[in-house]
Amino acid sequence: MHRNGKVRDLDDLARVLDGHRAENRKIVHCHGVFDLMHIGHIRHMENAKRLGEVLVVTVTPDRFVNKGPGRPVFGEQLRAEALAALASVDYVAVNRWPTAVEAIRLLRPHLYVKGAEYGDAGKDRTGAISLEEEAVRSVGGSLAFTHDLTFSSSSLINRHLGVLSPEATAYLGDFSTRYAAGDVIRYLDDARKLKVLVVGEAIIDEYVFCQALGKSIKEPILALRSDSVEKFAGGSLAVANNVADFSDHVTLLTLLGDQNPQEEFIRERLNPAIDSRFLFRKRSPTIVKRRFVEGYFFQKMFEVYEINTGPLEEEDDRAMCAALAERIGEYDLVLVIDYGHGMLSANAIRVLCEGSRFLALNAQANAGNLGYHSIAKYARADYACMGEGELRLVERERFGDPKPLVLQLARKLQCGRMMITRGKYGALCYAGDTGFRELPALATQVVDRMGAGDAFLSVSALCVVQNAPMEIAAFVGSAAGAEAVATVGHRRSIERVPLLKHIEALLK
């Protein structure tokens, strides 16, 4: 408890409010992020206090702030202290849950008060307002709204606190003159009805966290102590999980090994809404990519593959081609992530190219296929997304402007829409009818780069198949990529509501 006794633990605050309630004092409750205190917040608190006698404010904890990577700018304790400094506020507590529902039930206010911008529950993408109104009514209270000046903390932060790079800030200012948040989000909302088939290798990404002990006395090798192990559903599994929070009709066709298939682990990690179709490769393990990571600095040191690097046996190849051909024409979007580990033979690629109504494609270059695998194996693609390094490998051009390389590859693939991801340099998008557009990186913090390209492809393809402007697809993909690099491995999939909130925050 601090700031003159105003900042309290939630359970302690509930006991304090019992005393006020016993004295028939009317309790008013406000809730929010309050990342940057401004005059709109001050007026809101003053107006809320006039509706009762005791004003309590609960603050969204850092881990549940859905404003994108780098947010909140101010931690939960600092935000609580700022609120406690207001004369109109009697008590502040940091919430323990994503919404105010549980806090309302615990604190039992007479009034739960929101700003006028929350008056239309239909515009609340989280659905929280309706649930919070139900909660306050369940404890005998009611919902009320204040009507005064409104400002956006996100807008002020974007413009004045330098969370984003100067290039990103300038770009977003220009982008927002052409597209409103609703113009962008409409494509993600409409993705609900798309039927999507995800095709690609199942990969178990395993992190072995270690502590470096030093050089071995007897040999010139580094000695490590293993501390912990964390496993993730990667490869096409991660892509399917990303897509499944946006589309209601997702099918995954993937290949496991018949030796140590890890099927139970995979099923536990997949979104249950995904229609999963597993084929099994004979005399092979399910692919595991095991990375040894120095835990303190999160420094990846080396990796070990568990993999069969040979071609598919004829029987397995026939089964794969038959599974692809069976229903491929039913899908609005066929999303292929070809990691080059043997799942997709020339025969399977032919089925994909000839049978897909809309083919979105990435053919990844990695240590297991370098020099032997490229997107040029495909005769066509409606949308191709790849890293700049992969583009340069395909076109055998290490330096220089990537735009001529994009045009060359677009002709080879008969592809009218392409996306080139460039890491910290952002993205380059191309459409045959509108030309090129460059976007700066939107990431504000980079924890782990693994999965960023998959996240970009997953959500951008949902936009491109709906014929969205390529710049919108690139922007959405960049926002998803920024969320992916802010977490370790595939601990979290790209989720619809946080991404929509992130997009809205960027465009304020």
Protein backbone atom coordinates (compact mmCIF):
# COMPACT_ATOMS: atom_id res chain seq x y z
CA MET A 1 0.00 0.00 0.00
CA HIS A 2 1.42 3.40 -0.99
CA ARG A 3 0.59 6.86 -2.39
CA ASN A 4 -1.13 7.94 0.85
CA GLY A 5 -2.79 4.57 1.26
CA LYS A 6 -4.68 4.74 -2.04
CA VAL A 7 -3.00 1.88 -3.91
CA ARG A 8 -4.26 -1.39 -2.48
CA ASP A 9 -4.21 -5.10 -3.15
CA LEU A 10 -7.50 -6.19 -4.72
CA ASP A 11 -8.54 -8.43 -1.82
CA ASP A 12 -7.61 -5.75 0.71
CA LEU A 13 -9.60 -3.19 -1.28
CA ALA A 14 -12.65 -5.46 -1.23
CA ARG A 15 -12.52 -5.48 2.59
CA VAL A 16 -12.11 -1.69 2.72
CA LEU A 17 -15.15 -1.24 0.45
CA ASP A 18 -17.23 -3.47 2.72
CA GLY A 19 -16.79 -0.78 5.37
CA HIS A 20 -17.90 2.00 3.03
CA ARG A 21 -20.85 -0.06 1.93
CA ALA A 22 -21.88 -0.59 5.54
CA GLU A 23 -21.97 3.22 5.89
CA ASN A 24 -24.27 3.44 2.84
CA ARG A 25 -21.65 5.23 0.74
CA LYS A 26 -22.15 4.88 -3.01
CA ILE A 27 -19.18 3.13 -4.67
CA VAL A 28 -18.18 3.96 -8.24
CA HIS A 29 -15.75 1.77 -10.21
CA CYS A 30 -13.66 2.70 -13.28
CA HIS A 31 -11.32 0.37 -15.12
CA GLY A 32 -8.78 0.61 -17.94
CA VAL A 33 -5.17 0.59 -19.08
CA PHE A 34 -4.39 4.31 -18.53
CA ASP A 35 -0.98 3.97 -20.14
CA LEU A 36 -0.47 7.71 -20.43
CA MET A 37 -2.42 9.97 -18.08
CA HIS A 38 -4.09 12.85 -19.95
CA ILE A 39 -6.85 15.42 -19.55
CA GLY A 40 -9.45 12.99 -20.90
CA HIS A 41 -8.69 10.57 -18.06
CA ILE A 42 -8.76 13.37 -15.48
CA ARG A 43 -12.17 14.61 -16.66
CA HIS A 44 -13.47 11.02 -16.77
CA MET A 45 -12.47 10.42 -13.14
CA GLU A 46 -13.92 13.72 -11.97
CA ASN A 47 -17.23 13.04 -13.71
CA ALA A 48 -17.35 9.47 -12.39
CA LYS A 49 -16.73 10.68 -8.82
CA ARG A 50 -19.71 13.04 -9.07
CA LEU A 51 -21.93 10.00 -9.62
CA GLY A 52 -21.13 8.61 -6.18
CA GLU A 53 -19.05 9.05 -3.05
CA VAL A 54 -16.14 6.56 -3.29
CA LEU A 55 -14.24 6.18 -6.57
CA VAL A 56 -12.13 3.05 -7.09
CA VAL A 57 -10.06 2.43 -10.21
CA THR A 58 -8.67 -0.91 -11.34
CA VAL A 59 -5.77 -1.07 -13.78
CA THR A 60 -5.21 -3.68 -16.48
CA PRO A 61 -2.04 -5.64 -15.58
CA ASP A 62 0.90 -5.43 -17.96
CA ARG A 63 0.51 -9.00 -19.23
CA PHE A 64 -3.04 -8.35 -20.49
CA VAL A 65 -2.48 -5.02 -22.28
CA ASN A 66 -3.43 -5.69 -25.92
CA LYS A 67 -1.85 -2.66 -27.57
CA GLY A 68 0.99 -4.46 -29.32
CA PRO A 69 4.66 -5.10 -28.46
CA GLY A 70 6.28 -2.37 -26.38
CA ARG A 71 3.03 -1.59 -24.61
CA PRO A 72 2.29 -0.63 -21.99
CA VAL A 73 4.96 2.05 -21.98
CA PHE A 74 4.45 2.50 -18.24
CA GLY A 75 4.28 -0.54 -15.97
CA GLU A 76 1.24 -1.39 -13.89
CA GLN A 77 2.61 0.03 -10.64
CA LEU A 78 3.51 3.36 -12.23
CA ARG A 79 0.10 3.57 -13.86
CA ALA A 80 -1.54 2.86 -10.50
CA GLU A 81 0.53 5.58 -8.81
CA ALA A 82 -0.40 8.12 -11.48
CA LEU A 83 -4.10 7.44 -10.90
CA ALA A 84 -3.67 7.60 -7.14
CA ALA A 85 -2.25 11.11 -7.51
CA LEU A 86 -5.66 12.36 -8.69
CA ALA A 87 -7.76 14.02 -5.99
CA SER A 88 -10.93 12.48 -7.41
CA VAL A 89 -9.64 8.91 -6.99
CA ASP A 90 -10.00 7.27 -3.58
CA TYR A 91 -8.49 3.84 -4.23
CA VAL A 92 -6.52 2.07 -6.97
CA ALA A 93 -5.74 -1.61 -7.48
CA VAL A 94 -3.98 -3.58 -10.19
CA ASN A 95 -6.38 -6.14 -11.63
CA ARG A 96 -5.46 -9.83 -11.86
CA TRP A 97 -7.56 -10.70 -14.94
CA PRO A 98 -7.83 -9.63 -18.61
CA THR A 99 -11.13 -7.77 -18.09
CA ALA A 100 -12.88 -6.09 -15.18
CA VAL A 101 -15.51 -8.85 -14.84
CA GLU A 102 -13.93 -10.67 -11.88
CA ALA A 103 -12.89 -7.40 -10.22
CA ILE A 104 -16.48 -6.10 -10.43
CA ARG A 105 -17.75 -9.25 -8.77
CA LEU A 106 -15.13 -8.92 -6.05
CA LEU A 107 -15.53 -5.18 -5.38
CA ARG A 108 -19.34 -5.02 -5.91
CA PRO A 109 -19.67 -1.36 -6.95
CA HIS A 110 -22.97 0.46 -7.19
CA LEU A 111 -21.90 1.94 -10.54
CA TYR A 112 -19.42 0.74 -13.13
CA VAL A 113 -18.46 3.74 -15.28
CA LYS A 114 -16.91 3.85 -18.77
CA GLY A 115 -16.24 6.68 -21.21
CA ALA A 116 -18.70 7.62 -23.92
CA GLU A 117 -16.60 5.89 -26.59
CA TYR A 118 -17.66 2.54 -25.04
CA GLY A 119 -21.36 3.31 -25.31
CA ASP A 120 -21.83 1.18 -28.43
CA ALA A 121 -21.15 -2.36 -27.25
CA GLY A 122 -21.26 -3.55 -30.84
CA LYS A 123 -17.99 -1.75 -31.53
CA ASP A 124 -16.20 -3.47 -28.64
CA ARG A 125 -14.10 -6.16 -30.34
CA THR A 126 -13.28 -7.91 -27.08
CA GLY A 127 -16.91 -8.31 -26.01
CA ALA A 128 -15.81 -7.17 -22.56
CA ILE A 129 -18.31 -4.32 -22.10
CA SER A 130 -21.33 -6.63 -22.35
CA LEU A 131 -19.74 -9.07 -19.90
CA GLU A 132 -18.83 -6.26 -17.52
CA GLU A 133 -22.37 -4.88 -17.64
CA GLU A 134 -23.70 -8.35 -16.84
CA ALA A 135 -21.24 -8.62 -13.94
CA VAL A 136 -22.19 -5.27 -12.38
CA ARG A 137 -25.89 -6.08 -12.67
CA SER A 138 -25.25 -9.43 -11.00
CA VAL A 139 -23.97 -7.61 -7.88
CA GLY A 140 -26.89 -5.19 -7.84
CA GLY A 141 -25.20 -2.29 -9.63
CA SER A 142 -25.53 -0.66 -13.01
CA LEU A 143 -23.45 0.60 -15.94
CA ALA A 144 -23.02 4.32 -16.60
CA PHE A 145 -21.06 6.49 -19.04
CA THR A 146 -19.31 9.84 -18.76
CA HIS A 147 -19.48 12.41 -21.55
CA ASP A 148 -16.54 14.79 -21.84
CA LEU A 149 -13.29 15.34 -23.74
CA THR A 150 -11.79 12.15 -25.11
CA PHE A 151 -8.21 11.57 -26.12
CA SER A 152 -6.27 8.48 -27.08
CA SER A 153 -3.27 7.40 -25.01
CA SER A 154 -2.13 5.32 -27.99
CA SER A 155 -2.24 8.34 -30.29
CA LEU A 156 -0.24 10.46 -27.85
CA ILE A 157 2.28 7.69 -27.29
CA ASN A 158 2.68 7.04 -31.02
CA ARG A 159 3.26 10.71 -31.75
CA HIS A 160 5.30 11.92 -28.80
CA LEU A 161 7.01 9.12 -26.86
CA GLY A 162 9.05 7.54 -29.65
CA VAL A 163 7.93 3.94 -29.03
CA LEU A 164 8.19 3.30 -32.77
CA SER A 165 11.09 4.27 -35.00
CA PRO A 166 10.87 7.70 -36.69
CA GLU A 167 10.46 5.90 -40.03
CA ALA A 168 7.57 3.81 -38.72
CA THR A 169 5.91 6.84 -37.10
CA ALA A 170 6.10 8.83 -40.33
CA TYR A 171 4.88 5.88 -42.39
CA LEU A 172 1.89 5.20 -40.12
CA GLY A 173 0.93 8.86 -40.28
CA ASP A 174 0.88 8.65 -44.06
CA PHE A 175 -0.79 5.22 -44.15
CA SER A 176 -3.61 6.41 -41.88
CA THR A 177 -4.49 9.17 -44.37
CA ARG A 178 -5.32 6.44 -46.91
CA TYR A 179 -6.76 3.72 -44.70
CA ALA A 180 -8.66 3.86 -41.43
CA ALA A 181 -8.39 1.04 -38.89
CA GLY A 182 -11.82 -0.19 -39.99
CA ASP A 183 -10.65 -0.47 -43.60
CA VAL A 184 -7.85 -2.78 -42.48
CA ILE A 185 -9.75 -4.80 -39.91
CA ARG A 186 -12.60 -5.52 -42.32
CA TYR A 187 -10.41 -8.04 -44.14
CA LEU A 188 -9.60 -9.88 -40.92
CA ASP A 189 -13.28 -9.88 -39.93
CA ASP A 190 -14.29 -11.22 -43.34
CA ALA A 191 -11.66 -13.98 -43.11
CA ARG A 192 -14.09 -15.81 -40.80
CA LYS A 193 -15.93 -17.32 -43.75
CA LEU A 194 -12.87 -18.38 -45.74
CA LYS A 195 -12.15 -22.09 -46.15
CA VAL A 196 -8.39 -22.51 -45.70
CA LEU A 197 -6.18 -25.53 -46.29
CA VAL A 198 -2.73 -25.36 -44.65
CA VAL A 199 -0.13 -27.69 -46.16
CA GLY A 200 3.41 -28.25 -44.91
CA GLU A 201 5.76 -30.18 -42.69
CA ALA A 202 4.99 -30.62 -39.01
CA ILE A 203 8.01 -29.48 -37.00
CA ILE A 204 8.61 -29.72 -33.28
CA ASP A 205 10.74 -26.75 -32.24
CA GLU A 206 12.55 -27.61 -29.04
CA TYR A 207 14.57 -25.19 -26.94
CA VAL A 208 17.12 -26.65 -24.53
CA PHE A 209 17.99 -23.83 -22.15
CA CYS A 210 21.53 -24.13 -20.86
CA GLN A 211 24.15 -22.40 -18.79
CA ALA A 212 27.62 -22.12 -20.30
CA LEU A 213 30.17 -23.65 -17.91
CA GLY A 214 33.25 -22.95 -20.00
CA LYS A 215 35.76 -24.74 -22.20
CA SER A 216 36.30 -28.42 -21.59
CA ILE A 217 39.70 -29.09 -19.99
CA LYS A 218 40.53 -32.01 -22.26
CA GLU A 219 38.99 -30.94 -25.57
CA PRO A 220 38.42 -27.67 -27.45
CA ILE A 221 34.66 -27.71 -26.91
CA LEU A 222 32.21 -25.61 -24.91
CA ALA A 223 30.67 -27.33 -21.89
CA LEU A 224 27.04 -26.55 -21.01
CA ARG A 225 24.70 -27.41 -18.18
CA SER A 226 21.16 -28.20 -19.24
CA ASP A 227 18.60 -26.29 -17.17
CA SER A 228 15.20 -26.80 -18.85
CA VAL A 229 13.49 -27.84 -22.07
CA GLU A 230 10.53 -26.21 -23.82
CA LYS A 231 8.76 -27.66 -26.87
CA PHE A 232 6.61 -25.84 -29.40
CA ALA A 233 4.32 -26.90 -32.23
CA GLY A 234 6.15 -25.32 -35.16
CA GLY A 235 6.22 -25.42 -38.94
CA SER A 236 2.79 -25.88 -40.49
CA LEU A 237 1.34 -26.53 -37.02
CA ALA A 238 2.15 -22.96 -35.99
CA VAL A 239 0.76 -21.56 -39.22
CA ALA A 240 -2.50 -23.47 -38.79
CA ASN A 241 -2.80 -22.19 -35.21
CA ASN A 242 -2.26 -18.63 -36.43
CA VAL A 243 -4.91 -18.92 -39.13
CA ALA A 244 -7.45 -20.69 -36.91
CA ASP A 245 -8.18 -17.62 -34.78
CA PHE A 246 -9.24 -15.72 -37.92
CA SER A 247 -10.98 -18.35 -40.05
CA ASP A 248 -13.72 -20.69 -38.88
CA HIS A 249 -12.85 -23.33 -41.49
CA VAL A 250 -9.20 -24.45 -41.29
CA THR A 251 -7.89 -27.81 -42.42
CA LEU A 252 -4.30 -28.90 -41.84
CA LEU A 253 -2.66 -31.54 -44.00
CA THR A 254 0.74 -32.46 -42.65
CA LEU A 255 3.26 -35.27 -42.41
CA LEU A 256 4.43 -36.97 -39.22
CA GLY A 257 6.93 -39.76 -38.83
CA ASP A 258 5.92 -43.29 -37.92
CA GLN A 259 8.84 -43.40 -35.47
CA ASN A 260 8.34 -41.19 -32.42
CA PRO A 261 5.43 -39.40 -34.15
CA GLN A 262 4.67 -37.15 -31.12
CA GLU A 263 1.05 -37.14 -32.23
CA GLU A 264 -0.36 -36.68 -28.73
CA PHE A 265 1.84 -33.62 -28.10
CA ILE A 266 0.87 -32.15 -31.47
CA ARG A 267 -2.86 -32.66 -30.95
CA GLU A 268 -2.65 -31.04 -27.52
CA ARG A 269 -0.96 -27.97 -29.02
CA LEU A 270 -3.23 -27.52 -32.03
CA ASN A 271 -6.31 -25.31 -31.87
CA PRO A 272 -9.19 -27.81 -31.43
CA ALA A 273 -11.16 -26.08 -34.20
CA ILE A 274 -8.58 -27.22 -36.80
CA ASP A 275 -9.53 -30.22 -38.93
CA SER A 276 -6.21 -32.05 -38.68
CA ARG A 277 -5.25 -34.67 -41.26
CA PHE A 278 -2.02 -36.53 -40.52
CA LEU A 279 -0.13 -38.75 -42.90
CA PHE A 280 2.78 -40.82 -41.61
CA ARG A 281 6.16 -41.18 -43.29
CA LYS A 282 7.66 -44.65 -43.09
CA ARG A 283 10.92 -45.25 -41.26
CA SER A 284 11.12 -41.60 -40.19
CA PRO A 285 10.71 -39.51 -37.07
CA THR A 286 8.47 -36.47 -36.86
CA ILE A 287 10.87 -33.60 -37.53
CA VAL A 288 12.42 -32.08 -34.42
CA LYS A 289 14.65 -29.01 -34.55
CA ARG A 290 16.40 -28.82 -31.20
CA ARG A 291 18.09 -25.51 -30.41
CA PHE A 292 20.53 -25.14 -27.54
CA VAL A 293 20.06 -21.73 -25.96
CA GLU A 294 22.21 -19.94 -23.39
CA GLY A 295 19.41 -19.02 -21.03
CA TYR A 296 20.68 -15.83 -19.39
CA PHE A 297 21.33 -13.91 -22.61
CA PHE A 298 18.85 -15.96 -24.70
CA GLN A 299 21.65 -16.67 -27.16
CA LYS A 300 21.08 -19.57 -29.56
CA MET A 301 24.35 -21.52 -29.91
CA PHE A 302 23.63 -24.43 -32.23
CA GLU A 303 20.83 -26.75 -33.32
CA VAL A 304 20.37 -30.45 -33.99
CA TYR A 305 17.80 -31.90 -36.41
CA GLU A 306 15.97 -35.20 -35.97
CA ILE A 307 14.96 -35.78 -39.58
CA ASN A 308 14.93 -38.14 -42.55
CA THR A 309 16.65 -36.14 -45.29
CA GLY A 310 15.86 -38.61 -48.08
CA PRO A 311 13.00 -38.47 -50.59
CA LEU A 312 9.55 -39.83 -49.78
CA GLU A 313 8.99 -43.48 -50.58
CA GLU A 314 6.67 -43.97 -53.56
CA GLU A 315 3.82 -45.26 -51.42
CA ASP A 316 4.01 -42.22 -49.11
CA ASP A 317 4.19 -39.88 -52.10
CA ARG A 318 1.08 -41.43 -53.67
CA ALA A 319 -0.79 -41.09 -50.38
CA MET A 320 0.21 -37.44 -50.12
CA CYS A 321 -0.85 -36.65 -53.69
CA ALA A 322 -4.17 -38.45 -53.20
CA ALA A 323 -4.86 -36.53 -49.96
CA LEU A 324 -4.12 -33.24 -51.70
CA ALA A 325 -6.18 -34.01 -54.80
CA GLU A 326 -9.19 -35.26 -52.85
CA ARG A 327 -10.63 -31.88 -51.80
CA ILE A 328 -8.15 -29.19 -52.81
CA GLY A 329 -10.65 -27.46 -55.10
CA GLU A 330 -13.04 -26.84 -52.18
CA TYR A 331 -10.80 -24.31 -50.46
CA ASP A 332 -10.79 -20.56 -50.97
CA LEU A 333 -7.13 -20.46 -49.92
CA VAL A 334 -4.45 -23.13 -50.06
CA LEU A 335 -1.60 -21.96 -47.85
CA VAL A 336 1.61 -23.88 -48.49
CA ILE A 337 4.64 -23.66 -46.24
CA ASP A 338 7.25 -25.85 -47.89
CA TYR A 339 10.21 -26.27 -45.54
CA GLY A 340 12.03 -28.40 -48.07
CA HIS A 341 12.29 -31.56 -45.95
CA GLY A 342 10.75 -33.97 -48.44
CA MET A 343 7.02 -33.83 -47.75
CA LEU A 344 6.15 -32.22 -51.08
CA SER A 345 7.57 -34.02 -54.10
CA ALA A 346 7.41 -32.82 -57.69
CA ASN A 347 4.19 -34.82 -58.02
CA ALA A 348 2.60 -33.13 -54.97
CA ILE A 349 3.72 -29.71 -56.17
CA ARG A 350 2.03 -30.37 -59.51
CA VAL A 351 -1.24 -31.21 -57.72
CA LEU A 352 -1.00 -28.01 -55.69
CA CYS A 353 -0.29 -25.81 -58.69
CA GLU A 354 -3.00 -27.35 -60.87
CA GLY A 355 -5.72 -27.83 -58.27
CA SER A 356 -5.61 -24.78 -55.98
CA ARG A 357 -8.15 -22.03 -56.56
CA PHE A 358 -5.82 -19.59 -54.80
CA LEU A 359 -2.29 -20.70 -53.91
CA ALA A 360 -0.33 -18.75 -51.28
CA LEU A 361 3.20 -19.98 -51.03
CA ASN A 362 6.41 -19.87 -49.03
CA ALA A 363 9.32 -22.19 -49.76
CA GLN A 364 11.76 -21.74 -46.94
CA ALA A 365 15.54 -21.88 -47.18
CA ASN A 366 17.09 -23.40 -44.06
CA ALA A 367 20.10 -25.40 -42.93
CA GLY A 368 18.43 -28.67 -43.90
CA ASN A 369 17.86 -27.76 -47.55
CA LEU A 370 20.18 -24.87 -48.43
CA GLY A 371 21.03 -24.87 -52.12
CA TYR A 372 18.62 -27.71 -52.97
CA HIS A 373 15.25 -26.10 -52.44
CA SER A 374 13.59 -22.95 -53.74
CA ILE A 375 10.20 -21.54 -54.62
CA ALA A 376 11.15 -21.89 -58.31
CA LYS A 377 10.07 -25.54 -58.06
CA TYR A 378 6.50 -24.26 -58.27
CA ALA A 379 5.01 -23.49 -61.68
CA ARG A 380 2.62 -20.87 -60.30
CA ALA A 381 1.52 -18.99 -57.24
CA ASP A 382 -1.21 -16.44 -56.67
CA TYR A 383 0.67 -14.99 -53.71
CA ALA A 384 4.29 -15.60 -52.75
CA CYS A 385 5.83 -14.48 -49.47
CA MET A 386 9.50 -14.95 -48.59
CA GLY A 387 12.50 -13.42 -46.89
CA GLU A 388 14.86 -11.26 -48.92
CA GLY A 389 17.60 -13.83 -48.49
CA GLU A 390 15.37 -16.50 -50.01
CA LEU A 391 14.61 -14.23 -52.96
CA ARG A 392 18.30 -13.64 -53.55
CA LEU A 393 19.09 -17.37 -53.37
CA VAL A 394 16.43 -18.13 -56.01
CA GLU A 395 17.68 -15.43 -58.36
CA ARG A 396 21.37 -15.99 -57.57
CA GLU A 397 21.94 -12.30 -56.88
CA ARG A 398 23.56 -11.48 -53.57
CA PHE A 399 23.60 -7.69 -53.76
CA GLY A 400 21.72 -4.81 -55.31
CA ASP A 401 18.15 -3.59 -55.54
CA PRO A 402 15.69 -6.45 -54.85
CA LYS A 403 12.93 -4.98 -57.03
CA PRO A 404 14.25 -6.34 -60.37
CA LEU A 405 14.59 -9.74 -58.67
CA VAL A 406 10.97 -9.62 -57.58
CA LEU A 407 9.88 -8.88 -61.14
CA GLN A 408 11.97 -11.76 -62.48
CA LEU A 409 10.52 -14.23 -59.98
CA ALA A 410 6.99 -12.94 -60.49
CA ARG A 411 7.27 -13.77 -64.19
CA LYS A 412 8.59 -17.27 -63.45
CA LEU A 413 5.78 -18.00 -61.01
CA GLN A 414 3.09 -16.19 -63.02
CA CYS A 415 2.50 -14.45 -59.71
CA GLY A 416 0.81 -11.06 -59.56
CA ARG A 417 1.33 -10.45 -55.82
CA MET A 418 4.52 -10.89 -53.85
CA MET A 419 5.81 -9.98 -50.41
CA ILE A 420 9.45 -9.77 -49.39
CA THR A 421 10.17 -9.58 -45.66
CA ARG A 422 13.40 -7.78 -44.77
CA GLY A 423 13.78 -8.08 -41.00
CA LYS A 424 14.67 -4.78 -39.36
CA TYR A 425 14.31 -3.07 -42.75
CA GLY A 426 10.60 -3.88 -42.93
CA ALA A 427 8.87 -5.32 -45.99
CA LEU A 428 8.61 -4.80 -49.73
CA CYS A 429 5.29 -5.61 -51.39
CA TYR A 430 4.51 -5.90 -55.08
CA ALA A 431 1.30 -6.12 -57.09
CA GLY A 432 1.22 -6.28 -60.86
CA ASP A 433 -1.40 -3.54 -61.08
CA THR A 434 -0.05 -1.11 -58.44
CA GLY A 435 3.70 -1.74 -58.40
CA PHE A 436 5.95 -1.63 -55.35
CA ARG A 437 5.45 -0.28 -51.85
CA GLU A 438 7.99 -0.35 -49.01
CA LEU A 439 7.04 -0.53 -45.33
CA PRO A 440 9.29 0.02 -42.30
CA ALA A 441 9.50 -2.58 -39.53
CA LEU A 442 6.83 -2.21 -36.85
CA ALA A 443 8.57 -4.29 -34.18
CA THR A 444 9.54 -2.40 -31.03
CA GLN A 445 11.15 -5.31 -29.20
CA VAL A 446 12.76 -8.45 -30.54
CA VAL A 447 12.94 -11.44 -28.22
CA ASP A 448 13.08 -14.29 -30.74
CA ARG A 449 12.86 -14.15 -34.54
CA MET A 450 11.62 -17.72 -34.94
CA GLY A 451 8.14 -17.84 -36.44
CA ALA A 452 7.99 -14.21 -37.56
CA GLY A 453 7.87 -15.10 -41.25
CA ASP A 454 5.20 -17.73 -40.64
CA ALA A 455 3.09 -15.20 -38.73
CA PHE A 456 3.49 -12.64 -41.53
CA LEU A 457 2.45 -15.16 -44.17
CA SER A 458 -0.47 -16.51 -42.13
CA VAL A 459 -2.41 -13.27 -41.76
CA SER A 460 -1.29 -11.46 -44.91
CA ALA A 461 -2.50 -14.36 -47.08
CA LEU A 462 -5.98 -14.02 -45.53
CA CYS A 463 -6.03 -10.44 -46.81
CA VAL A 464 -4.51 -11.07 -50.24
CA VAL A 465 -7.00 -13.83 -51.10
CA GLN A 466 -9.76 -11.25 -50.56
CA ASN A 467 -8.03 -8.93 -53.04
CA ALA A 468 -7.04 -6.44 -50.35
CA PRO A 469 -4.58 -3.74 -51.42
CA MET A 470 -1.09 -5.18 -51.02
CA GLU A 471 -0.13 -2.35 -48.70
CA ILE A 472 -2.89 -3.38 -46.29
CA ALA A 473 -1.76 -7.02 -46.46
CA ALA A 474 1.82 -5.92 -45.78
CA PHE A 475 0.74 -3.74 -42.86
CA VAL A 476 -1.29 -6.54 -41.27
CA GLY A 477 1.54 -9.01 -41.82
CA SER A 478 4.05 -6.61 -40.29
CA ALA A 479 1.86 -6.14 -37.21
CA ALA A 480 1.59 -9.92 -36.82
CA GLY A 481 5.34 -10.31 -37.30
CA ALA A 482 5.96 -7.68 -34.61
CA GLU A 483 3.85 -9.71 -32.19
CA ALA A 484 5.65 -12.93 -33.13
CA VAL A 485 9.16 -11.60 -32.45
CA ALA A 486 8.07 -10.28 -29.03
CA THR A 487 7.65 -13.79 -27.61
CA VAL A 488 9.84 -16.88 -27.26
CA GLY A 489 9.30 -19.47 -29.96
CA HIS A 490 5.65 -20.32 -30.49
CA ARG A 491 4.54 -19.77 -26.90
CA ARG A 492 1.65 -17.73 -28.24
CA SER A 493 -0.13 -17.91 -31.58
CA ILE A 494 -1.26 -14.78 -33.37
CA GLU A 495 -4.71 -14.14 -31.90
CA ARG A 496 -7.48 -12.12 -33.47
CA VAL A 497 -8.46 -9.72 -30.67
CA PRO A 498 -4.91 -8.72 -29.62
CA LEU A 499 -3.95 -8.18 -33.27
CA LEU A 500 -7.03 -6.03 -33.93
CA LYS A 501 -6.30 -3.99 -30.81
CA HIS A 502 -2.67 -3.65 -31.93
CA ILE A 503 -3.76 -2.43 -35.37
CA GLU A 504 -6.16 0.09 -33.84
CA ALA A 505 -3.42 1.35 -31.50
CA LEU A 506 -0.95 1.77 -34.39
CA LEU A 507 -3.41 3.81 -36.43
CA LYS A 508 -4.54 6.20 -33.69
